[in-house]
Structure formats: structure tokens, C-alpha cells
PDB file of N, CA and C in Angstrom:
ATOM      1  N   MET A   1     -33.268  -8.666 -12.779  1.00  0.00           N
ATOM      2  CA  MET A   1     -31.818  -8.735 -12.733  1.00  0.00           C
ATOM      3  C   MET A   1     -31.259  -8.111 -14.008  1.00  0.00           C
ATOM      4  N   PRO A   2     -30.247  -7.228 -13.880  1.00  0.00           N
ATOM      5  CA  PRO A   2     -29.679  -6.590 -15.066  1.00  0.00           C
ATOM      6  C   PRO A   2     -28.893  -7.568 -15.921  1.00  0.00           C
ATOM      7  N   VAL A   3     -28.886  -7.309 -17.206  1.00  0.00           N
ATOM      8  CA  VAL A   3     -28.136  -8.115 -18.153  1.00  0.00           C
ATOM      9  C   VAL A   3     -26.824  -7.400 -18.417  1.00  0.00           C
ATOM     10  N   ARG A   4     -25.716  -8.101 -18.249  1.00  0.00           N
ATOM     11  CA  ARG A   4     -24.423  -7.454 -18.417  1.00  0.00           C
ATOM     12  C   ARG A   4     -24.001  -7.493 -19.881  1.00  0.00           C
ATOM     13  N   ARG A   5     -23.616  -6.330 -20.381  1.00  0.00           N
ATOM     14  CA  ARG A   5     -23.072  -6.204 -21.728  1.00  0.00           C
ATOM     15  C   ARG A   5     -21.872  -5.272 -21.651  1.00  0.00           C
ATOM     16  N   SER A   6     -20.704  -5.831 -21.828  1.00  0.00           N
ATOM     17  CA  SER A   6     -19.468  -5.054 -21.780  1.00  0.00           C
ATOM     18  C   SER A   6     -19.357  -4.351 -20.433  1.00  0.00           C
ATOM     19  N   THR A   7     -19.153  -3.012 -20.436  1.00  0.00           N
ATOM     20  CA  THR A   7     -19.047  -2.286 -19.165  1.00  0.00           C
ATOM     21  C   THR A   7     -20.328  -1.518 -18.865  1.00  0.00           C
ATOM     22  N   ARG A   8     -21.389  -1.848 -19.553  1.00  0.00           N
ATOM     23  CA  ARG A   8     -22.667  -1.175 -19.321  1.00  0.00           C
ATOM     24  C   ARG A   8     -23.712  -2.202 -18.910  1.00  0.00           C
ATOM     25  N   TYR A   9     -24.690  -1.740 -18.207  1.00  0.00           N
ATOM     26  CA  TYR A   9     -25.782  -2.611 -17.788  1.00  0.00           C
ATOM     27  C   TYR A   9     -27.098  -2.039 -18.307  1.00  0.00           C
ATOM     28  N   ILE A  10     -28.004  -2.923 -18.662  1.00  0.00           N
ATOM     29  CA  ILE A  10     -29.338  -2.476 -19.050  1.00  0.00           C
ATOM     30  C   ILE A  10     -30.338  -3.153 -18.124  1.00  0.00           C
ATOM     31  N   SER A  11     -31.173  -2.354 -17.568  1.00  0.00           N
ATOM     32  CA  SER A  11     -32.187  -2.870 -16.669  1.00  0.00           C
ATOM     33  C   SER A  11     -33.361  -3.380 -17.499  1.00  0.00           C
ATOM     34  N   LYS A  12     -33.885  -4.534 -17.166  1.00  0.00           N
ATOM     35  CA  LYS A  12     -35.013  -5.082 -17.919  1.00  0.00           C
ATOM     36  C   LYS A  12     -36.253  -4.211 -17.780  1.00  0.00           C
ATOM     37  N   SER A  13     -36.378  -3.553 -16.642  1.00  0.00           N
ATOM     38  CA  SER A  13     -37.584  -2.764 -16.418  1.00  0.00           C
ATOM     39  C   SER A  13     -37.524  -1.384 -17.078  1.00  0.00           C
ATOM     40  N   SER A  14     -36.349  -0.757 -17.128  1.00  0.00           N
ATOM     41  CA  SER A  14     -36.301   0.613 -17.633  1.00  0.00           C
ATOM     42  C   SER A  14     -35.761   0.736 -19.060  1.00  0.00           C
ATOM     43  N   ASN A  15     -35.041  -0.271 -19.529  1.00  0.00           N
ATOM     44  CA  ASN A  15     -34.436  -0.233 -20.858  1.00  0.00           C
ATOM     45  C   ASN A  15     -33.509   0.963 -21.063  1.00  0.00           C
ATOM     46  N   LYS A  16     -32.933   1.499 -20.006  1.00  0.00           N
ATOM     47  CA  LYS A  16     -31.983   2.602 -20.104  1.00  0.00           C
ATOM     48  C   LYS A  16     -30.585   2.089 -19.811  1.00  0.00           C
ATOM     49  N   TRP A  17     -29.634   2.600 -20.562  1.00  0.00           N
ATOM     50  CA  TRP A  17     -28.239   2.218 -20.353  1.00  0.00           C
ATOM     51  C   TRP A  17     -27.643   3.044 -19.232  1.00  0.00           C
ATOM     52  N   ASN A  18     -26.914   2.401 -18.357  1.00  0.00           N
ATOM     53  CA  ASN A  18     -26.210   3.088 -17.279  1.00  0.00           C
ATOM     54  C   ASN A  18     -24.764   2.625 -17.268  1.00  0.00           C
ATOM     55  N   ARG A  19     -23.872   3.570 -17.198  1.00  0.00           N
ATOM     56  CA  ARG A  19     -22.456   3.205 -17.097  1.00  0.00           C
ATOM     57  C   ARG A  19     -22.159   2.738 -15.683  1.00  0.00           C
ATOM     58  N   THR A  20     -21.251   1.804 -15.585  1.00  0.00           N
ATOM     59  CA  THR A  20     -20.819   1.368 -14.259  1.00  0.00           C
ATOM     60  C   THR A  20     -19.856   2.406 -13.717  1.00  0.00           C
ATOM     61  N   SER A  21     -19.675   2.437 -12.437  1.00  0.00           N
ATOM     62  CA  SER A  21     -18.786   3.422 -11.832  1.00  0.00           C
ATOM     63  C   SER A  21     -17.424   2.807 -11.525  1.00  0.00           C
ATOM     64  N   LYS A  22     -16.847   2.164 -12.521  1.00  0.00           N
ATOM     65  CA  LYS A  22     -15.530   1.576 -12.338  1.00  0.00           C
ATOM     66  C   LYS A  22     -14.484   2.677 -12.426  1.00  0.00           C
ATOM     67  N   LYS A  23     -13.555   2.687 -11.471  1.00  0.00           N
ATOM     68  CA  LYS A  23     -12.470   3.659 -11.527  1.00  0.00           C
ATOM     69  C   LYS A  23     -11.406   3.139 -12.466  1.00  0.00           C
ATOM     70  N   ARG A  24     -10.848   4.034 -13.232  1.00  0.00           N
ATOM     71  CA  ARG A  24      -9.767   3.662 -14.132  1.00  0.00           C
ATOM     72  C   ARG A  24      -8.461   4.142 -13.515  1.00  0.00           C
ATOM     73  N   PHE A  25      -7.440   3.329 -13.620  1.00  0.00           N
ATOM     74  CA  PHE A  25      -6.144   3.649 -13.044  1.00  0.00           C
ATOM     75  C   PHE A  25      -5.094   3.698 -14.143  1.00  0.00           C
ATOM     76  N   ALA A  26      -4.072   4.497 -13.919  1.00  0.00           N
ATOM     77  CA  ALA A  26      -2.968   4.559 -14.865  1.00  0.00           C
ATOM     78  C   ALA A  26      -2.304   3.193 -14.941  1.00  0.00           C
ATOM     79  N   ASN A  27      -2.022   2.767 -16.152  1.00  0.00           N
ATOM     80  CA  ASN A  27      -1.390   1.469 -16.396  1.00  0.00           C
ATOM     81  C   ASN A  27      -2.172   0.323 -15.762  1.00  0.00           C
ATOM     82  N   GLY A  28      -3.428   0.534 -15.477  1.00  0.00           N
ATOM     83  CA  GLY A  28      -4.245  -0.533 -14.930  1.00  0.00           C
ATOM     84  C   GLY A  28      -3.973  -0.862 -13.476  1.00  0.00           C
ATOM     85  N   LYS A  29      -3.247   0.000 -12.777  1.00  0.00           N
ATOM     86  CA  LYS A  29      -2.959  -0.307 -11.379  1.00  0.00           C
ATOM     87  C   LYS A  29      -3.278   0.896 -10.489  1.00  0.00           C
ATOM     88  N   PRO A  30      -3.810   0.648  -9.319  1.00  0.00           N
ATOM     89  CA  PRO A  30      -4.128   1.741  -8.406  1.00  0.00           C
ATOM     90  C   PRO A  30      -2.862   2.288  -7.743  1.00  0.00           C
ATOM     91  N   TRP A  31      -2.964   3.500  -7.220  1.00  0.00           N
ATOM     92  CA  TRP A  31      -1.852   4.097  -6.485  1.00  0.00           C
ATOM     93  C   TRP A  31      -1.803   3.476  -5.094  1.00  0.00           C
ATOM     94  N   THR A  32      -0.615   3.047  -4.693  1.00  0.00           N
ATOM     95  CA  THR A  32      -0.456   2.488  -3.350  1.00  0.00           C
ATOM     96  C   THR A  32      -0.279   3.628  -2.346  1.00  0.00           C
ATOM     97  N   PRO A  33      -0.575   3.383  -1.079  1.00  0.00           N
ATOM     98  CA  PRO A  33      -0.370   4.417  -0.060  1.00  0.00           C
ATOM     99  C   PRO A  33       1.076   4.911   0.002  1.00  0.00           C
ATOM    100  N   THR A  34       2.027   4.019  -0.233  1.00  0.00           N
ATOM    101  CA  THR A  34       3.440   4.406  -0.230  1.00  0.00           C
ATOM    102  C   THR A  34       3.750   5.346  -1.382  1.00  0.00           C
ATOM    103  N   GLU A  35       3.205   5.056  -2.560  1.00  0.00           N
ATOM    104  CA  GLU A  35       3.419   5.923  -3.719  1.00  0.00           C
ATOM    105  C   GLU A  35       2.811   7.303  -3.480  1.00  0.00           C
ATOM    106  N   VAL A  36       1.632   7.328  -2.897  1.00  0.00           N
ATOM    107  CA  VAL A  36       0.964   8.602  -2.628  1.00  0.00           C
ATOM    108  C   VAL A  36       1.779   9.418  -1.621  1.00  0.00           C
ATOM    109  N   LYS A  37       2.285   8.751  -0.601  1.00  0.00           N
ATOM    110  CA  LYS A  37       3.090   9.433   0.411  1.00  0.00           C
ATOM    111  C   LYS A  37       4.357  10.014  -0.215  1.00  0.00           C
ATOM    112  N   THR A  38       5.017   9.234  -1.050  1.00  0.00           N
ATOM    113  CA  THR A  38       6.222   9.694  -1.724  1.00  0.00           C
ATOM    114  C   THR A  38       5.905  10.841  -2.676  1.00  0.00           C
ATOM    115  N   LEU A  39       4.800  10.723  -3.410  1.00  0.00           N
ATOM    116  CA  LEU A  39       4.390  11.775  -4.335  1.00  0.00           C
ATOM    117  C   LEU A  39       4.174  13.088  -3.590  1.00  0.00           C
ATOM    118  N   ARG A  40       3.526  13.025  -2.448  1.00  0.00           N
ATOM    119  CA  ARG A  40       3.300  14.229  -1.644  1.00  0.00           C
ATOM    120  C   ARG A  40       4.618  14.897  -1.241  1.00  0.00           C
ATOM    121  N   LYS A  41       5.625  14.085  -0.958  1.00  0.00           N
ATOM    122  CA  LYS A  41       6.917  14.622  -0.515  1.00  0.00           C
ATOM    123  C   LYS A  41       7.718  15.251  -1.650  1.00  0.00           C
ATOM    124  N   ILE A  42       7.741  14.603  -2.817  1.00  0.00           N
ATOM    125  CA  ILE A  42       8.667  15.031  -3.859  1.00  0.00           C
ATOM    126  C   ILE A  42       8.048  15.847  -4.988  1.00  0.00           C
ATOM    127  N   TYR A  43       6.736  15.922  -5.093  1.00  0.00           N
ATOM    128  CA  TYR A  43       6.107  16.556  -6.248  1.00  0.00           C
ATOM    129  C   TYR A  43       6.445  18.037  -6.376  1.00  0.00           C
ATOM    130  N   LYS A  44       6.482  18.757  -5.265  1.00  0.00           N
ATOM    131  CA  LYS A  44       6.596  20.214  -5.318  1.00  0.00           C
ATOM    132  C   LYS A  44       7.896  20.727  -5.940  1.00  0.00           C
ATOM    133  N   ASP A  45       8.990  19.952  -5.879  1.00  0.00           N
ATOM    134  CA  ASP A  45      10.242  20.454  -6.432  1.00  0.00           C
ATOM    135  C   ASP A  45      11.013  19.435  -7.276  1.00  0.00           C
ATOM    136  N   THR A  46      10.299  18.468  -7.837  1.00  0.00           N
ATOM    137  CA  THR A  46      10.906  17.461  -8.704  1.00  0.00           C
ATOM    138  C   THR A  46      10.188  17.478 -10.052  1.00  0.00           C
ATOM    139  N   PRO A  47      10.930  17.398 -11.160  1.00  0.00           N
ATOM    140  CA  PRO A  47      10.273  17.358 -12.473  1.00  0.00           C
ATOM    141  C   PRO A  47       9.288  16.185 -12.570  1.00  0.00           C
ATOM    142  N   THR A  48       8.145  16.455 -13.116  1.00  0.00           N
ATOM    143  CA  THR A  48       7.092  15.445 -13.225  1.00  0.00           C
ATOM    144  C   THR A  48       7.554  14.246 -14.045  1.00  0.00           C
ATOM    145  N   LYS A  49       8.367  14.511 -15.056  1.00  0.00           N
ATOM    146  CA  LYS A  49       8.895  13.431 -15.890  1.00  0.00           C
ATOM    147  C   LYS A  49       9.728  12.457 -15.059  1.00  0.00           C
ATOM    148  N   ASP A  50      10.520  12.977 -14.139  1.00  0.00           N
ATOM    149  CA  ASP A  50      11.337  12.123 -13.278  1.00  0.00           C
ATOM    150  C   ASP A  50      10.476  11.299 -12.318  1.00  0.00           C
ATOM    151  N   ILE A  51       9.416  11.920 -11.811  1.00  0.00           N
ATOM    152  CA  ILE A  51       8.498  11.209 -10.916  1.00  0.00           C
ATOM    153  C   ILE A  51       7.811  10.071 -11.668  1.00  0.00           C
ATOM    154  N   ALA A  52       7.396  10.355 -12.896  1.00  0.00           N
ATOM    155  CA  ALA A  52       6.733   9.335 -13.716  1.00  0.00           C
ATOM    156  C   ALA A  52       7.657   8.140 -13.946  1.00  0.00           C
ATOM    157  N   ARG A  53       8.919   8.423 -14.223  1.00  0.00           N
ATOM    158  CA  ARG A  53       9.883   7.327 -14.406  1.00  0.00           C
ATOM    159  C   ARG A  53      10.037   6.514 -13.131  1.00  0.00           C
ATOM    160  N   LYS A  54      10.127   7.210 -11.999  1.00  0.00           N
ATOM    161  CA  LYS A  54      10.316   6.538 -10.707  1.00  0.00           C
ATOM    162  C   LYS A  54       9.164   5.565 -10.415  1.00  0.00           C
ATOM    163  N   PHE A  55       7.927   6.014 -10.678  1.00  0.00           N
ATOM    164  CA  PHE A  55       6.757   5.192 -10.383  1.00  0.00           C
ATOM    165  C   PHE A  55       6.340   4.297 -11.556  1.00  0.00           C
ATOM    166  N   ARG A  56       7.054   4.408 -12.690  1.00  0.00           N
ATOM    167  CA  ARG A  56       6.705   3.665 -13.909  1.00  0.00           C
ATOM    168  C   ARG A  56       5.265   3.928 -14.329  1.00  0.00           C
ATOM    169  N   ARG A  57       4.966   5.220 -14.413  1.00  0.00           N
ATOM    170  CA  ARG A  57       3.640   5.680 -14.836  1.00  0.00           C
ATOM    171  C   ARG A  57       3.815   6.758 -15.887  1.00  0.00           C
ATOM    172  N   THR A  58       2.720   7.160 -16.500  1.00  0.00           N
ATOM    173  CA  THR A  58       2.796   8.230 -17.482  1.00  0.00           C
ATOM    174  C   THR A  58       2.830   9.580 -16.769  1.00  0.00           C
ATOM    175  N   VAL A  59       3.337  10.582 -17.480  1.00  0.00           N
ATOM    176  CA  VAL A  59       3.392  11.934 -16.921  1.00  0.00           C
ATOM    177  C   VAL A  59       1.976  12.416 -16.615  1.00  0.00           C
ATOM    178  N   SER A  60       1.048  12.129 -17.517  1.00  0.00           N
ATOM    179  CA  SER A  60      -0.329  12.589 -17.311  1.00  0.00           C
ATOM    180  C   SER A  60      -0.983  11.929 -16.098  1.00  0.00           C
ATOM    181  N   SER A  61      -0.632  10.676 -15.815  1.00  0.00           N
ATOM    182  CA  SER A  61      -1.220  10.027 -14.641  1.00  0.00           C
ATOM    183  C   SER A  61      -0.669  10.632 -13.347  1.00  0.00           C
ATOM    184  N   VAL A  62       0.613  11.008 -13.370  1.00  0.00           N
ATOM    185  CA  VAL A  62       1.203  11.664 -12.198  1.00  0.00           C
ATOM    186  C   VAL A  62       0.566  13.039 -12.004  1.00  0.00           C
ATOM    187  N   GLN A  63       0.384  13.786 -13.094  1.00  0.00           N
ATOM    188  CA  GLN A  63      -0.252  15.095 -13.009  1.00  0.00           C
ATOM    189  C   GLN A  63      -1.693  14.978 -12.506  1.00  0.00           C
ATOM    190  N   ALA A  64      -2.401  13.965 -12.979  1.00  0.00           N
ATOM    191  CA  ALA A  64      -3.784  13.774 -12.556  1.00  0.00           C
ATOM    192  C   ALA A  64      -3.867  13.446 -11.063  1.00  0.00           C
ATOM    193  N   LYS A  65      -2.989  12.566 -10.600  1.00  0.00           N
ATOM    194  CA  LYS A  65      -3.001  12.194  -9.181  1.00  0.00           C
ATOM    195  C   LYS A  65      -2.609  13.388  -8.321  1.00  0.00           C
ATOM    196  N   ALA A  66      -1.614  14.151  -8.758  1.00  0.00           N
ATOM    197  CA  ALA A  66      -1.210  15.349  -8.016  1.00  0.00           C
ATOM    198  C   ALA A  66      -2.362  16.348  -7.953  1.00  0.00           C
ATOM    199  N   GLY A  67      -3.087  16.479  -9.044  1.00  0.00           N
ATOM    200  CA  GLY A  67      -4.252  17.368  -9.057  1.00  0.00           C
ATOM    201  C   GLY A  67      -5.334  16.894  -8.105  1.00  0.00           C
ATOM    202  N   ASP A  68      -5.560  15.587  -8.073  1.00  0.00           N
ATOM    203  CA  ASP A  68      -6.547  15.015  -7.148  1.00  0.00           C
ATOM    204  C   ASP A  68      -6.166  15.282  -5.696  1.00  0.00           C
ATOM    205  N   LEU A  69      -4.854  15.254  -5.430  1.00  0.00           N
ATOM    206  CA  LEU A  69      -4.361  15.469  -4.067  1.00  0.00           C
ATOM    207  C   LEU A  69      -4.193  16.955  -3.744  1.00  0.00           C
ATOM    208  N   GLY A  70      -4.352  17.818  -4.745  1.00  0.00           N
ATOM    209  CA  GLY A  70      -4.203  19.256  -4.526  1.00  0.00           C
ATOM    210  C   GLY A  70      -2.751  19.701  -4.431  1.00  0.00           C
ATOM    211  N   LEU A  71      -1.846  18.942  -5.035  1.00  0.00           N
ATOM    212  CA  LEU A  71      -0.429  19.274  -4.984  1.00  0.00           C
ATOM    213  C   LEU A  71      -0.080  20.261  -6.083  1.00  0.00           C
ATOM    214  N   LYS A  72       0.863  21.152  -5.783  1.00  0.00           N
ATOM    215  CA  LYS A  72       1.324  22.130  -6.761  1.00  0.00           C
ATOM    216  C   LYS A  72       2.825  22.268  -6.669  1.00  0.00           C
ATOM    217  N   LYS A  73       3.425  22.705  -7.770  1.00  0.00           N
ATOM    218  CA  LYS A  73       4.856  22.981  -7.793  1.00  0.00           C
ATOM    219  C   LYS A  73       5.102  24.296  -7.044  1.00  0.00           C
ATOM    220  N   THR A  74       6.285  24.427  -6.424  1.00  0.00           N
ATOM    221  CA  THR A  74       6.614  25.667  -5.703  1.00  0.00           C
ATOM    222  C   THR A  74       6.901  26.777  -6.702  1.00  0.00           C
ATOM    223  N   LYS A  75       6.732  28.015  -6.263  1.00  0.00           N
ATOM    224  CA  LYS A  75       7.004  29.168  -7.119  1.00  0.00           C
ATOM    225  C   LYS A  75       8.474  29.201  -7.514  1.00  0.00           C
ATOM    226  N   THR A  76       9.346  28.856  -6.601  1.00  0.00           N
ATOM    227  CA  THR A  76      10.781  28.834  -6.879  1.00  0.00           C
ATOM    228  C   THR A  76      11.099  27.826  -7.988  1.00  0.00           C
ATOM    229  N   TYR A  77      10.520  26.657  -7.893  1.00  0.00           N
ATOM    230  CA  TYR A  77      10.736  25.614  -8.897  1.00  0.00           C
ATOM    231  C   TYR A  77      10.237  26.080 -10.260  1.00  0.00           C
ATOM    232  N   LEU A  78       9.036  26.650 -10.307  1.00  0.00           N
ATOM    233  CA  LEU A  78       8.466  27.107 -11.573  1.00  0.00           C
ATOM    234  C   LEU A  78       9.303  28.219 -12.188  1.00  0.00           C
ATOM    235  N   LYS A  79       9.790  29.122 -11.363  1.00  0.00           N
ATOM    236  CA  LYS A  79      10.618  30.223 -11.838  1.00  0.00           C
ATOM    237  C   LYS A  79      11.909  29.677 -12.456  1.00  0.00           C
ATOM    238  N   LYS A  80      12.500  28.719 -11.781  1.00  0.00           N
ATOM    239  CA  LYS A  80      13.732  28.088 -12.265  1.00  0.00           C
ATOM    240  C   LYS A  80      13.487  27.395 -13.605  1.00  0.00           C
ATOM    241  N   MET A  81      12.398  26.663 -13.714  1.00  0.00           N
ATOM    242  CA  MET A  81      12.088  25.948 -14.948  1.00  0.00           C
ATOM    243  C   MET A  81      11.824  26.916 -16.103  1.00  0.00           C
ATOM    244  N   ARG A  82      11.147  28.018 -15.824  1.00  0.00           N
ATOM    245  CA  ARG A  82      10.871  29.001 -16.876  1.00  0.00           C
ATOM    246  C   ARG A  82      12.152  29.656 -17.364  1.00  0.00           C
ATOM    247  N   SER A  83      13.051  29.967 -16.439  1.00  0.00           N
ATOM    248  CA  SER A  83      14.299  30.604 -16.832  1.00  0.00           C
ATOM    249  C   SER A  83      15.179  29.641 -17.638  1.00  0.00           C
ATOM    250  N   ASN A  84      15.156  28.364 -17.333  1.00  0.00           N
ATOM    251  CA  ASN A  84      15.923  27.366 -18.081  1.00  0.00           C
ATOM    252  C   ASN A  84      15.320  27.113 -19.459  1.00  0.00           C
ATOM    253  N   GLN A  85      14.030  27.275 -19.574  1.00  0.00           N
ATOM    254  CA  GLN A  85      13.342  26.996 -20.828  1.00  0.00           C
ATOM    255  C   GLN A  85      13.739  28.003 -21.916  1.00  0.00           C
ATOM    256  N   TRP A  86      13.981  29.220 -21.557  1.00  0.00           N
ATOM    257  CA  TRP A  86      14.245  30.271 -22.534  1.00  0.00           C
ATOM    258  C   TRP A  86      15.716  30.367 -22.938  1.00  0.00           C
ATOM    259  N   ARG A  87      16.571  29.543 -22.367  1.00  0.00           N
ATOM    260  CA  ARG A  87      18.003  29.587 -22.708  1.00  0.00           C
ATOM    261  C   ARG A  87      18.321  28.699 -23.873  1.00  0.00           C
TER     262      ARG A  87
END
């Protein structure tokens, strides 16, 4: 039987450390199906900062989830943001 130490386990027979496969979530909470559905709808043309505020998550967690889902911003949105940035 493995001996538990923190988030790692050591097997008595092999003496090798193995990390557990615990998933880490932004702010310690998993994404709900409703949040994922909403993210899919609004991500392509809404600022990521606004989405993060809506879901009470960090910008990086929203970007990571969007990347996992294969979501991207539209070309029109990106063009608009670039033109506003240089003014």
C-alpha cells in the first residue's frame, strides 16, 4: 500500500516518487457546463477581460479554457482591437 505524503505517493516496492494526476482548476473550482456553453458563445467577439469578470475568474484561466476548447477570436475582432491599440 502506498504511503501518502502531500500530493505525491511513494510505493514501498519501487521507492520512486509519482505525482498524482489531480486536475487543477482556476480559483479552485471546475468549469460548469453552463459556463463552458456561455464561453463558447461569447469568446470570439468579447474582450477576455470582460469574460473573466463575468465568470469571476482570472484572464489566464479564461484563455486556458478557451485554448482547451479550441476557441479563437474572430479576425474582425482582432483587427478592431489592433486599430484601437495604436490610437
